Protein backbone atom coordinates (compact mmCIF):
# COMPACT_ATOMS: atom_id res chain seq x y z
CA MET A 1 0.24 -13.92 -45.94
CA THR A 2 -2.60 -12.37 -43.96
CA ALA A 3 -2.55 -11.03 -40.41
CA CYS A 4 -4.90 -12.54 -37.89
CA LEU A 5 -6.21 -10.69 -34.86
CA LYS A 6 -7.73 -12.54 -31.97
CA LYS A 7 -10.11 -10.90 -29.54
CA GLY A 8 -10.46 -12.24 -26.00
CA TRP A 9 -11.60 -11.25 -22.53
CA LEU A 10 -8.80 -10.87 -19.97
CA SER A 11 -10.30 -9.16 -16.95
CA GLU A 12 -13.04 -6.86 -15.72
CA SER A 13 -10.33 -4.70 -14.16
CA TYR A 14 -8.43 -2.00 -15.97
CA ARG A 15 -5.34 -2.44 -13.79
CA LYS A 16 -4.06 -4.48 -10.85
CA MET A 17 -2.24 -3.11 -7.84
CA THR A 18 -1.08 -4.16 -4.40
CA VAL A 19 -1.43 -2.15 -1.19
CA GLU A 20 0.91 -3.41 1.54
CA ILE A 21 0.17 -2.14 5.05
CA ASP A 22 2.63 -2.31 7.94
CA THR A 23 1.74 -0.94 11.37
CA VAL A 24 3.59 0.04 14.49
CA ALA A 25 2.55 -2.12 17.44
CA GLY A 26 -0.68 -0.67 18.84
CA SER A 27 -1.54 1.38 15.73
CA GLU A 28 -4.76 0.77 13.86
CA GLN A 29 -4.48 -0.83 10.43
CA PRO A 30 -6.13 1.45 7.85
CA THR A 31 -8.22 -1.24 6.14
CA ASP A 32 -11.47 0.71 5.67
CA ASN A 33 -13.01 4.15 6.16
CA GLY A 34 -15.36 3.08 8.95
CA ALA A 35 -18.38 3.41 6.66
CA GLY A 36 -18.09 0.17 4.70
CA GLU A 37 -15.58 1.26 2.04
CA THR A 38 -12.38 -0.80 1.78
CA TRP A 39 -9.33 -0.38 -0.44
CA SER A 40 -10.87 -2.91 -2.82
CA THR A 41 -14.32 -1.31 -3.01
CA VAL A 42 -12.93 2.19 -3.53
CA PHE A 43 -10.53 1.23 -6.29
CA SER A 44 -12.93 -1.18 -8.01
CA LYS A 45 -15.06 1.87 -8.88
CA THR A 46 -12.16 3.12 -10.99
CA GLY A 47 -11.45 -0.23 -12.64
CA PHE A 48 -8.63 -1.40 -10.37
CA ASN A 49 -8.29 -4.87 -8.86
CA VAL A 50 -6.58 -4.36 -5.48
CA ASN A 51 -4.71 -6.96 -3.49
CA VAL A 52 -4.34 -5.80 0.13
CA ILE A 53 -1.51 -7.32 2.16
CA LEU A 54 -1.76 -6.79 5.91
CA SER A 55 1.90 -7.34 6.59
CA ASN A 56 3.96 -6.57 9.71
CA THR A 57 1.86 -5.51 12.71
CA ASN A 58 4.69 -5.03 15.19
CA VAL A 59 7.03 -2.51 13.56
CA LEU A 60 9.29 -0.94 16.19
CA ASN A 61 10.79 2.54 16.28
CA LEU A 62 13.91 2.45 18.41
CA ASN A 63 14.19 6.26 18.46
CA GLY A 64 11.05 7.02 20.43
CA ASN A 65 7.34 7.38 19.79
CA SER A 66 7.42 9.39 16.55
CA PHE A 67 8.91 8.73 13.11
CA SER A 68 10.96 11.09 10.97
CA ASP A 69 10.80 10.98 7.17
CA ALA A 70 14.15 9.16 7.12
CA GLU A 71 13.00 6.57 9.70
CA MET A 72 9.86 5.81 7.69
CA HIS A 73 11.89 5.43 4.50
CA ALA A 74 14.39 3.12 6.25
CA THR A 75 11.49 1.05 7.65
CA MET A 76 9.97 0.72 4.18
CA LEU A 77 13.28 -0.47 2.74
CA ALA A 78 13.69 -3.03 5.54
CA LYS A 79 10.10 -4.32 5.73
CA HIS A 80 8.34 -4.14 2.36
CA GLN A 81 7.91 -7.22 0.23
CA PRO A 82 10.19 -7.50 -2.81
CA THR A 83 8.50 -5.90 -5.79
CA ASN A 84 9.32 -5.37 -9.45
CA LEU A 85 7.88 -1.90 -10.02
CA ASP A 86 8.25 -2.37 -13.78
CA THR A 87 5.56 -5.06 -13.70
CA GLU A 88 3.43 -4.25 -10.62
CA TRP A 89 1.89 -1.19 -9.05
CA HIS A 90 2.78 -1.58 -5.37
CA TYR A 91 1.91 0.93 -2.65
CA TYR A 92 3.42 0.70 0.80
CA ILE A 93 1.68 2.19 3.85
CA LEU A 94 3.27 2.47 7.28
CA ALA A 95 0.75 3.29 10.02
CA VAL A 96 2.50 5.01 12.94
CA HIS A 97 1.43 6.87 16.07
CA TYR A 98 3.15 10.19 15.29
CA VAL A 99 5.01 11.71 12.35
CA GLU A 100 7.64 14.29 13.34
CA LEU A 101 6.86 17.87 12.38
CA LYS A 102 3.62 16.96 10.56
CA GLU A 103 -0.02 17.20 11.56
CA ARG A 104 -1.07 14.49 9.14
CA GLY A 105 0.57 11.67 7.24
CA ILE A 106 3.07 12.20 4.48
CA MET A 107 4.01 10.54 1.23
CA TYR A 108 7.57 9.28 1.09
CA ASP A 109 9.57 7.18 -1.32
């Protein structure tokens, strides 16, 4: 018995990933850098095929104008699309007006 290997072309991309973006009402959706670069064009340079989902655009914060780490985490759990992280790279972005105790955005899980 001999082994047979088959060679075929699957994709030009090294990996696939999804970027899901939710925004608080009135916040700007971070879809590009203002100079013509989008999520897809940036990641395609590194061999990634990116699917961008512009999801909820009216996320509310019932506790005021800013979000704490815990509020952002709770919002992610409530709003993000179901994902099997064992089979898909999925990044969730929540665009808000203010993050408590931070000058810039944060990464949360």
